[in-house]
Amino acid sequence: MTAATPTRMELRIPRKPEYVRMARRTSCALAAQLDFTYDTVKDIELAVGEACTNAVRHVEKARSDEILVRFTVESNRLIIEIIDYGQGFQPEEEGGEGLGLVVMRSVMDEVEIRCDADTGTCVRMVKYRDNS
């Protein structure tokens, strides 16, 4: 990646299933540009798709029509935040994690979920780069 590439990029998509593909493809293109391996690029794409799909499926329509996908590139990692402005949730209080969260945790190095009834949900995922 060249020095001219920004360290932060944001993508705002409508909270509709047909736009999840755009978030997946954007994450795939960025991860490939950062020289992640093919398998890791596909893992990142999968995790972003799962997080966006959860935001589409589980947010009340009246609360939000948009999903924010934020990519932050650091020297040793890629941080991806999927932010919806819905009602939030607490997976530990709602019968455990769904399959999407299990998938995200299995392919990313770190996954953190922050929920707030007023500001919505942020799924923060990290993938470390091998700089050897």
Protein backbone atom coordinates (compact mmCIF):
# COMPACT_ATOMS: atom_id res chain seq x y z
CA MET A 1 0.00 0.00 0.00
CA THR A 2 1.36 3.39 -0.90
CA ALA A 3 1.94 6.27 1.50
CA ALA A 4 -0.82 8.22 -0.25
CA THR A 5 -3.44 5.72 0.85
CA PRO A 6 -5.55 7.05 3.73
CA THR A 7 -5.36 5.32 7.07
CA ARG A 8 -9.11 5.55 7.56
CA MET A 9 -11.90 4.91 5.10
CA GLU A 10 -15.65 4.93 5.68
CA LEU A 11 -18.43 3.39 3.65
CA ARG A 12 -22.06 4.24 4.35
CA ILE A 13 -24.57 1.85 2.88
CA PRO A 14 -28.35 1.61 3.03
CA ARG A 15 -29.50 -0.97 5.56
CA LYS A 16 -30.77 -3.31 2.84
CA PRO A 17 -29.60 -6.84 1.99
CA GLU A 18 -28.57 -5.95 -1.56
CA TYR A 19 -25.91 -3.51 -0.25
CA VAL A 20 -24.12 -6.03 1.97
CA ARG A 21 -22.26 -7.20 -1.14
CA MET A 22 -20.79 -3.71 -1.54
CA ALA A 23 -19.35 -3.81 1.99
CA ARG A 24 -17.98 -7.32 1.41
CA ARG A 25 -16.31 -6.34 -1.87
CA THR A 26 -14.84 -3.17 -0.39
CA SER A 27 -13.33 -5.11 2.50
CA CYS A 28 -11.98 -7.71 0.08
CA ALA A 29 -10.34 -5.09 -2.15
CA LEU A 30 -8.78 -3.25 0.79
CA ALA A 31 -7.47 -6.42 2.44
CA ALA A 32 -5.94 -7.56 -0.86
CA GLN A 33 -4.30 -4.15 -1.27
CA LEU A 34 -2.76 -4.62 2.19
CA ASP A 35 -1.16 -7.88 1.03
CA PHE A 36 -3.13 -10.21 3.26
CA THR A 37 -3.10 -13.77 1.96
CA TYR A 38 -5.97 -14.91 -0.25
CA ASP A 39 -7.46 -17.01 2.58
CA THR A 40 -7.25 -14.10 5.03
CA VAL A 41 -8.85 -11.74 2.50
CA LYS A 42 -11.76 -14.18 2.17
CA ASP A 43 -12.02 -14.49 5.98
CA ILE A 44 -12.22 -10.71 6.32
CA GLU A 45 -14.84 -10.54 3.56
CA LEU A 46 -16.88 -13.24 5.31
CA ALA A 47 -16.72 -11.49 8.70
CA VAL A 48 -17.78 -8.15 7.22
CA GLY A 49 -20.67 -9.83 5.42
CA GLU A 50 -21.84 -11.50 8.61
CA ALA A 51 -21.68 -8.27 10.61
CA CYS A 52 -23.54 -6.28 7.96
CA THR A 53 -26.15 -9.02 7.54
CA ASN A 54 -26.77 -8.94 11.30
CA ALA A 55 -27.27 -5.18 11.13
CA VAL A 56 -29.75 -5.59 8.27
CA ARG A 57 -31.72 -8.38 9.98
CA HIS A 58 -31.79 -7.24 13.59
CA VAL A 59 -32.31 -3.47 13.52
CA GLU A 60 -35.84 -2.12 13.75
CA LYS A 61 -36.73 -0.25 10.56
CA ALA A 62 -37.82 2.88 12.38
CA ARG A 63 -34.44 3.23 14.11
CA SER A 64 -31.99 3.36 11.22
CA ASP A 65 -31.74 3.19 7.46
CA GLU A 66 -27.94 3.17 7.29
CA ILE A 67 -24.89 1.08 8.19
CA LEU A 68 -21.46 2.62 8.61
CA VAL A 69 -18.47 0.44 7.74
CA ARG A 70 -15.22 2.00 8.98
CA PHE A 71 -11.80 0.65 8.00
CA THR A 72 -8.70 1.76 9.87
CA VAL A 73 -5.32 0.69 8.56
CA GLU A 74 -2.46 0.56 11.03
CA SER A 75 1.07 -0.69 10.48
CA ASN A 76 0.34 -4.11 11.91
CA ARG A 77 -3.42 -4.53 11.63
CA LEU A 78 -6.69 -3.76 9.90
CA ILE A 79 -9.54 -2.63 12.14
CA ILE A 80 -13.08 -2.86 10.80
CA GLU A 81 -16.07 -1.39 12.59
CA ILE A 82 -19.63 -2.11 11.51
CA ILE A 83 -21.91 0.45 13.12
CA ASP A 84 -25.67 0.47 13.00
CA TYR A 85 -27.88 2.94 14.76
CA GLY A 86 -30.43 0.42 15.96
CA GLN A 87 -31.66 -0.59 19.37
CA GLY A 88 -28.54 -2.53 20.38
CA PHE A 89 -28.43 -5.96 21.98
CA GLN A 90 -26.56 -7.94 24.60
CA PRO A 91 -25.67 -11.41 23.24
CA GLU A 92 -24.91 -12.79 26.71
CA GLU A 93 -28.40 -11.77 27.83
CA GLU A 94 -30.23 -13.00 24.74
CA GLY A 95 -29.44 -16.69 24.78
CA GLY A 96 -25.87 -16.57 23.52
CA GLU A 97 -24.28 -15.68 20.25
CA GLY A 98 -25.82 -16.38 16.90
CA LEU A 99 -24.00 -18.20 14.13
CA GLY A 100 -22.83 -14.93 12.52
CA LEU A 101 -20.97 -13.90 15.68
CA VAL A 102 -19.45 -17.35 15.99
CA VAL A 103 -18.19 -17.10 12.40
CA MET A 104 -16.75 -13.62 12.99
CA ARG A 105 -14.91 -14.77 16.11
CA SER A 106 -13.52 -17.81 14.31
CA VAL A 107 -11.96 -15.91 11.38
CA MET A 108 -10.87 -12.61 12.96
CA ASP A 109 -8.14 -12.08 15.57
CA GLU A 110 -10.33 -9.89 17.78
CA VAL A 111 -14.06 -9.20 17.88
CA GLU A 112 -15.67 -6.78 20.29
CA ILE A 113 -19.33 -5.77 20.42
CA ARG A 114 -20.38 -2.49 21.99
CA CYS A 115 -24.08 -1.82 22.34
CA ASP A 116 -25.98 1.19 23.50
CA ALA A 117 -29.73 1.66 23.35
CA ASP A 118 -29.28 5.27 22.23
CA THR A 119 -26.38 5.01 19.77
CA GLY A 120 -26.75 1.46 18.46
CA THR A 121 -24.26 -1.34 17.99
CA CYS A 122 -20.61 -1.33 16.93
CA VAL A 123 -18.99 -4.61 15.94
CA ARG A 124 -15.23 -4.00 16.03
CA MET A 125 -13.08 -6.64 14.33
CA VAL A 126 -9.29 -6.77 14.04
CA LYS A 127 -7.04 -8.75 11.72
CA TYR A 128 -3.29 -8.59 12.31
CA ARG A 129 -0.83 -8.45 9.43
CA ASP A 130 2.30 -10.52 9.23
CA ASN A 131 5.03 -7.95 8.67
CA SER A 132 7.89 -10.39 8.35
